[in-house]
Amino acid sequence: MMKKRISLFLALLLVANVSYAEIKIGFVNVAKVLEKAPQAEKAKKRLEKEFSPRDKHLISQGKEIKKLEEKLNRDASVMGESERVKLERDIIAKRREAKRSQQEYSEDLNMRNNEEFRKLQRRIFEAVKILAKDEKFDLILTDGVIHASPTIDITEQVQKKLLSLSD
């Protein structure tokens, strides 16, 4: 929060010091760009492909545990003591393994999501920098802006530039 205030203060000082020179300012709604970025859809598909086998394995583990629990509920009264205890232990061990697998899956998926997000953010900032240079912007603002006039909103231009940078 303090960093944003300092950045805004520096931007205002820049505007004040430019005196009478005309400056070109733009605003980018990064959330909107992220939402519509073609790279985001590609990243989503890559993650689905990468994590699909593990997801299927987790589902399979769940089904196996459910079958064992059903067997225990159905046949417990006709099972021998040692057979029932063995089945109960097997269920507990499989639940533990499934829980551990689910936790690892969630952590790995979260880590990969963050990697893909950071990669996309870099592409967006690259698109903004290229657009700023091409269109001769002096200042481009993003998050933390309370109001931005549609006349300085360059979000659509950034989206178009991002399309040209598509992987």
C-alpha atoms as a PDB file:
ATOM      1  CA  MET A   1       0.000   0.000   0.000  1.00  0.00           C
ATOM      2  CA  MET A   2       2.793   2.385   0.929  1.00  0.00           C
ATOM      3  CA  LYS A   3       4.660   1.480  -2.268  1.00  0.00           C
ATOM      4  CA  LYS A   4       1.607   2.392  -4.370  1.00  0.00           C
ATOM      5  CA  ARG A   5       1.265   5.730  -2.594  1.00  0.00           C
ATOM      6  CA  ILE A   6       4.934   6.512  -3.170  1.00  0.00           C
ATOM      7  CA  SER A   7       4.602   5.535  -6.853  1.00  0.00           C
ATOM      8  CA  LEU A   8       1.547   7.733  -7.260  1.00  0.00           C
ATOM      9  CA  PHE A   9       3.295  10.594  -5.456  1.00  0.00           C
ATOM     10  CA  LEU A  10       6.302  10.247  -7.775  1.00  0.00           C
ATOM     11  CA  ALA A  11       3.978  10.190 -10.789  1.00  0.00           C
ATOM     12  CA  LEU A  12       2.299  13.386  -9.595  1.00  0.00           C
ATOM     13  CA  LEU A  13       5.697  15.030  -9.070  1.00  0.00           C
ATOM     14  CA  LEU A  14       6.649  14.022 -12.592  1.00  0.00           C
ATOM     15  CA  VAL A  15       3.467  15.585 -13.945  1.00  0.00           C
ATOM     16  CA  ALA A  16       4.049  18.748 -11.911  1.00  0.00           C
ATOM     17  CA  ASN A  17       7.673  19.071 -13.048  1.00  0.00           C
ATOM     18  CA  VAL A  18       6.930  18.656 -16.726  1.00  0.00           C
ATOM     19  CA  SER A  19       5.442  22.168 -16.576  1.00  0.00           C
ATOM     20  CA  TYR A  20       3.699  23.056 -19.777  1.00  0.00           C
ATOM     21  CA  ALA A  21       4.845  20.145 -21.883  1.00  0.00           C
ATOM     22  CA  GLU A  22       2.110  17.850 -23.072  1.00  0.00           C
ATOM     23  CA  ILE A  23       2.320  14.434 -21.509  1.00  0.00           C
ATOM     24  CA  LYS A  24       0.591  11.276 -22.627  1.00  0.00           C
ATOM     25  CA  ILE A  25      -0.898   9.155 -19.834  1.00  0.00           C
ATOM     26  CA  GLY A  26      -2.577   5.774 -20.121  1.00  0.00           C
ATOM     27  CA  PHE A  27      -4.364   3.402 -17.786  1.00  0.00           C
ATOM     28  CA  VAL A  28      -4.431  -0.414 -18.028  1.00  0.00           C
ATOM     29  CA  ASN A  29      -6.950  -2.660 -16.309  1.00  0.00           C
ATOM     30  CA  VAL A  30      -4.632  -5.652 -15.802  1.00  0.00           C
ATOM     31  CA  ALA A  31      -7.400  -7.886 -14.431  1.00  0.00           C
ATOM     32  CA  LYS A  32      -9.372  -7.382 -17.648  1.00  0.00           C
ATOM     33  CA  VAL A  33      -6.296  -8.121 -19.742  1.00  0.00           C
ATOM     34  CA  LEU A  34      -5.612 -11.285 -17.733  1.00  0.00           C
ATOM     35  CA  GLU A  35      -9.208 -12.391 -18.159  1.00  0.00           C
ATOM     36  CA  LYS A  36      -9.105 -12.123 -21.946  1.00  0.00           C
ATOM     37  CA  ALA A  37      -5.476 -13.065 -22.640  1.00  0.00           C
ATOM     38  CA  PRO A  38      -5.159 -15.955 -25.103  1.00  0.00           C
ATOM     39  CA  GLN A  39      -2.072 -17.055 -23.179  1.00  0.00           C
ATOM     40  CA  ALA A  40      -4.258 -17.605 -20.090  1.00  0.00           C
ATOM     41  CA  GLU A  41      -6.420 -20.118 -21.941  1.00  0.00           C
ATOM     42  CA  LYS A  42      -3.324 -21.891 -23.282  1.00  0.00           C
ATOM     43  CA  ALA A  43      -1.846 -22.040 -19.777  1.00  0.00           C
ATOM     44  CA  LYS A  44      -5.099 -23.491 -18.443  1.00  0.00           C
ATOM     45  CA  LYS A  45      -5.047 -26.218 -21.100  1.00  0.00           C
ATOM     46  CA  ARG A  46      -1.376 -26.996 -20.391  1.00  0.00           C
ATOM     47  CA  LEU A  47      -2.128 -27.373 -16.681  1.00  0.00           C
ATOM     48  CA  GLU A  48      -5.156 -29.570 -17.351  1.00  0.00           C
ATOM     49  CA  LYS A  49      -3.062 -31.825 -19.574  1.00  0.00           C
ATOM     50  CA  GLU A  50      -0.201 -31.913 -17.079  1.00  0.00           C
ATOM     51  CA  PHE A  51      -2.363 -32.652 -14.043  1.00  0.00           C
ATOM     52  CA  SER A  52      -5.064 -34.819 -15.614  1.00  0.00           C
ATOM     53  CA  PRO A  53      -3.292 -38.157 -14.929  1.00  0.00           C
ATOM     54  CA  ARG A  54      -2.821 -37.285 -11.271  1.00  0.00           C
ATOM     55  CA  ASP A  55      -6.426 -36.126 -10.987  1.00  0.00           C
ATOM     56  CA  LYS A  56      -7.617 -39.429 -12.459  1.00  0.00           C
ATOM     57  CA  HIS A  57      -5.381 -41.304 -10.018  1.00  0.00           C
ATOM     58  CA  LEU A  58      -6.921 -39.407  -7.074  1.00  0.00           C
ATOM     59  CA  ILE A  59     -10.410 -40.251  -8.301  1.00  0.00           C
ATOM     60  CA  SER A  60      -9.389 -43.888  -8.646  1.00  0.00           C
ATOM     61  CA  GLN A  61      -7.994 -43.907  -5.106  1.00  0.00           C
ATOM     62  CA  GLY A  62     -11.268 -42.488  -3.803  1.00  0.00           C
ATOM     63  CA  LYS A  63     -13.305 -45.145  -5.597  1.00  0.00           C
ATOM     64  CA  GLU A  64     -11.066 -47.912  -4.262  1.00  0.00           C
ATOM     65  CA  ILE A  65     -11.440 -46.638  -0.687  1.00  0.00           C
ATOM     66  CA  LYS A  66     -15.210 -46.391  -1.117  1.00  0.00           C
ATOM     67  CA  LYS A  67     -15.391 -50.009  -2.355  1.00  0.00           C
ATOM     68  CA  LEU A  68     -13.362 -51.218   0.623  1.00  0.00           C
ATOM     69  CA  GLU A  69     -15.582 -49.244   3.034  1.00  0.00           C
ATOM     70  CA  GLU A  70     -18.711 -50.705   1.418  1.00  0.00           C
ATOM     71  CA  LYS A  71     -17.233 -54.195   1.723  1.00  0.00           C
ATOM     72  CA  LEU A  72     -16.456 -53.591   5.388  1.00  0.00           C
ATOM     73  CA  ASN A  73     -19.981 -52.303   6.092  1.00  0.00           C
ATOM     74  CA  ARG A  74     -21.601 -55.124   4.151  1.00  0.00           C
ATOM     75  CA  ASP A  75     -19.459 -58.068   5.290  1.00  0.00           C
ATOM     76  CA  ALA A  76     -18.144 -57.044   8.742  1.00  0.00           C
ATOM     77  CA  SER A  77     -20.628 -59.265  10.564  1.00  0.00           C
ATOM     78  CA  VAL A  78     -19.601 -62.405   8.646  1.00  0.00           C
ATOM     79  CA  MET A  79     -15.840 -61.718   8.610  1.00  0.00           C
ATOM     80  CA  GLY A  80     -13.376 -63.180  11.016  1.00  0.00           C
ATOM     81  CA  GLU A  81     -11.844 -60.782  13.535  1.00  0.00           C
ATOM     82  CA  SER A  82      -8.395 -60.774  11.933  1.00  0.00           C
ATOM     83  CA  GLU A  83      -9.832 -60.313   8.421  1.00  0.00           C
ATOM     84  CA  ARG A  84     -11.981 -57.370   9.592  1.00  0.00           C
ATOM     85  CA  VAL A  85      -9.055 -55.712  11.434  1.00  0.00           C
ATOM     86  CA  LYS A  86      -6.829 -56.187   8.367  1.00  0.00           C
ATOM     87  CA  LEU A  87      -9.461 -54.548   6.153  1.00  0.00           C
ATOM     88  CA  GLU A  88      -9.918 -51.638   8.592  1.00  0.00           C
ATOM     89  CA  ARG A  89      -6.144 -51.050   8.655  1.00  0.00           C
ATOM     90  CA  ASP A  90      -6.001 -51.246   4.876  1.00  0.00           C
ATOM     91  CA  ILE A  91      -8.745 -48.604   4.610  1.00  0.00           C
ATOM     92  CA  ILE A  92      -6.949 -46.324   7.086  1.00  0.00           C
ATOM     93  CA  ALA A  93      -3.642 -46.707   5.191  1.00  0.00           C
ATOM     94  CA  LYS A  94      -5.319 -45.988   1.845  1.00  0.00           C
ATOM     95  CA  ARG A  95      -7.085 -42.915   3.281  1.00  0.00           C
ATOM     96  CA  ARG A  96      -3.737 -41.612   4.556  1.00  0.00           C
ATOM     97  CA  GLU A  97      -2.095 -42.215   1.197  1.00  0.00           C
ATOM     98  CA  ALA A  98      -4.993 -40.546  -0.631  1.00  0.00           C
ATOM     99  CA  LYS A  99      -4.874 -37.551   1.700  1.00  0.00           C
ATOM    100  CA  ARG A 100      -1.113 -37.207   1.164  1.00  0.00           C
ATOM    101  CA  SER A 101      -1.533 -37.546  -2.612  1.00  0.00           C
ATOM    102  CA  GLN A 102      -4.303 -34.928  -2.602  1.00  0.00           C
ATOM    103  CA  GLN A 103      -2.167 -32.519  -0.600  1.00  0.00           C
ATOM    104  CA  GLU A 104       0.835 -32.994  -2.920  1.00  0.00           C
ATOM    105  CA  TYR A 105      -1.423 -32.557  -5.942  1.00  0.00           C
ATOM    106  CA  SER A 106      -2.884 -29.332  -4.541  1.00  0.00           C
ATOM    107  CA  GLU A 107       0.539 -27.929  -3.670  1.00  0.00           C
ATOM    108  CA  ASP A 108       1.996 -28.827  -7.081  1.00  0.00           C
ATOM    109  CA  LEU A 109      -1.018 -27.439  -8.930  1.00  0.00           C
ATOM    110  CA  ASN A 110      -0.873 -24.225  -6.929  1.00  0.00           C
ATOM    111  CA  MET A 111       2.846 -23.871  -7.620  1.00  0.00           C
ATOM    112  CA  ARG A 112       2.357 -24.422 -11.375  1.00  0.00           C
ATOM    113  CA  ASN A 113      -0.605 -22.004 -11.430  1.00  0.00           C
ATOM    114  CA  ASN A 114       1.621 -19.367  -9.843  1.00  0.00           C
ATOM    115  CA  GLU A 115       4.402 -20.047 -12.368  1.00  0.00           C
ATOM    116  CA  GLU A 116       1.996 -19.677 -15.283  1.00  0.00           C
ATOM    117  CA  PHE A 117       0.497 -16.521 -13.750  1.00  0.00           C
ATOM    118  CA  ARG A 118       3.925 -14.915 -13.314  1.00  0.00           C
ATOM    119  CA  LYS A 119       4.821 -15.826 -16.899  1.00  0.00           C
ATOM    120  CA  LEU A 120       1.606 -14.232 -18.148  1.00  0.00           C
ATOM    121  CA  GLN A 121       2.193 -11.125 -16.028  1.00  0.00           C
ATOM    122  CA  ARG A 122       5.632 -10.744 -17.610  1.00  0.00           C
ATOM    123  CA  ARG A 123       4.059 -11.005 -21.074  1.00  0.00           C
ATOM    124  CA  ILE A 124       1.471  -8.370 -20.187  1.00  0.00           C
ATOM    125  CA  PHE A 125       4.121  -5.987 -18.884  1.00  0.00           C
ATOM    126  CA  GLU A 126       6.158  -6.658 -22.015  1.00  0.00           C
ATOM    127  CA  ALA A 127       3.100  -5.738 -24.110  1.00  0.00           C
ATOM    128  CA  VAL A 128       2.586  -2.571 -22.047  1.00  0.00           C
ATOM    129  CA  LYS A 129       6.227  -1.539 -22.471  1.00  0.00           C
ATOM    130  CA  ILE A 130       6.117  -2.122 -26.229  1.00  0.00           C
ATOM    131  CA  LEU A 131       2.851  -0.190 -26.520  1.00  0.00           C
ATOM    132  CA  ALA A 132       4.243   2.635 -24.372  1.00  0.00           C
ATOM    133  CA  LYS A 133       7.267   2.913 -26.622  1.00  0.00           C
ATOM    134  CA  ASP A 134       5.310   2.580 -29.893  1.00  0.00           C
ATOM    135  CA  GLU A 135       2.598   5.051 -28.850  1.00  0.00           C
ATOM    136  CA  LYS A 136       4.990   7.384 -26.974  1.00  0.00           C
ATOM    137  CA  PHE A 137       3.278   7.235 -23.571  1.00  0.00           C
ATOM    138  CA  ASP A 138       5.001   9.167 -20.802  1.00  0.00           C
ATOM    139  CA  LEU A 139       3.156   7.404 -17.988  1.00  0.00           C
ATOM    140  CA  ILE A 140       1.015   4.262 -17.784  1.00  0.00           C
ATOM    141  CA  LEU A 141      -0.897   3.517 -14.589  1.00  0.00           C
ATOM    142  CA  THR A 142      -2.586   0.361 -13.378  1.00  0.00           C
ATOM    143  CA  ASP A 143      -3.951  -0.928 -10.030  1.00  0.00           C
ATOM    144  CA  GLY A 144      -4.602   1.575  -7.304  1.00  0.00           C
ATOM    145  CA  VAL A 145      -6.204   4.148  -9.583  1.00  0.00           C
ATOM    146  CA  ILE A 146      -9.470   5.458  -8.203  1.00  0.00           C
ATOM    147  CA  HIS A 147     -10.694   6.846 -11.512  1.00  0.00           C
ATOM    148  CA  ALA A 148      -9.440   6.633 -15.066  1.00  0.00           C
ATOM    149  CA  SER A 149     -11.148   8.442 -17.902  1.00  0.00           C
ATOM    150  CA  PRO A 150     -12.010   6.258 -20.888  1.00  0.00           C
ATOM    151  CA  THR A 151      -9.890   8.591 -22.981  1.00  0.00           C
ATOM    152  CA  ILE A 152      -6.721   7.344 -21.269  1.00  0.00           C
ATOM    153  CA  ASP A 153      -7.819   3.687 -20.869  1.00  0.00           C
ATOM    154  CA  ILE A 154      -5.480   1.684 -23.094  1.00  0.00           C
ATOM    155  CA  THR A 155      -6.585  -1.746 -21.854  1.00  0.00           C
ATOM    156  CA  GLU A 156      -7.898  -2.809 -25.275  1.00  0.00           C
ATOM    157  CA  GLN A 157      -4.690  -1.687 -26.947  1.00  0.00           C
ATOM    158  CA  VAL A 158      -2.673  -3.773 -24.477  1.00  0.00           C
ATOM    159  CA  GLN A 159      -4.924  -6.761 -25.188  1.00  0.00           C
ATOM    160  CA  LYS A 160      -4.283  -6.355 -28.918  1.00  0.00           C
ATOM    161  CA  LYS A 161      -0.528  -6.034 -28.344  1.00  0.00           C
ATOM    162  CA  LEU A 162      -0.639  -9.146 -26.161  1.00  0.00           C
ATOM    163  CA  LEU A 163      -2.318 -11.040 -29.014  1.00  0.00           C
ATOM    164  CA  SER A 164       0.660 -10.210 -31.206  1.00  0.00           C
ATOM    165  CA  LEU A 165       2.979 -11.649 -28.533  1.00  0.00           C
ATOM    166  CA  SER A 166       0.993 -14.894 -28.315  1.00  0.00           C
ATOM    167  CA  ASP A 167       3.094 -18.018 -27.654  1.00  0.00           C
END
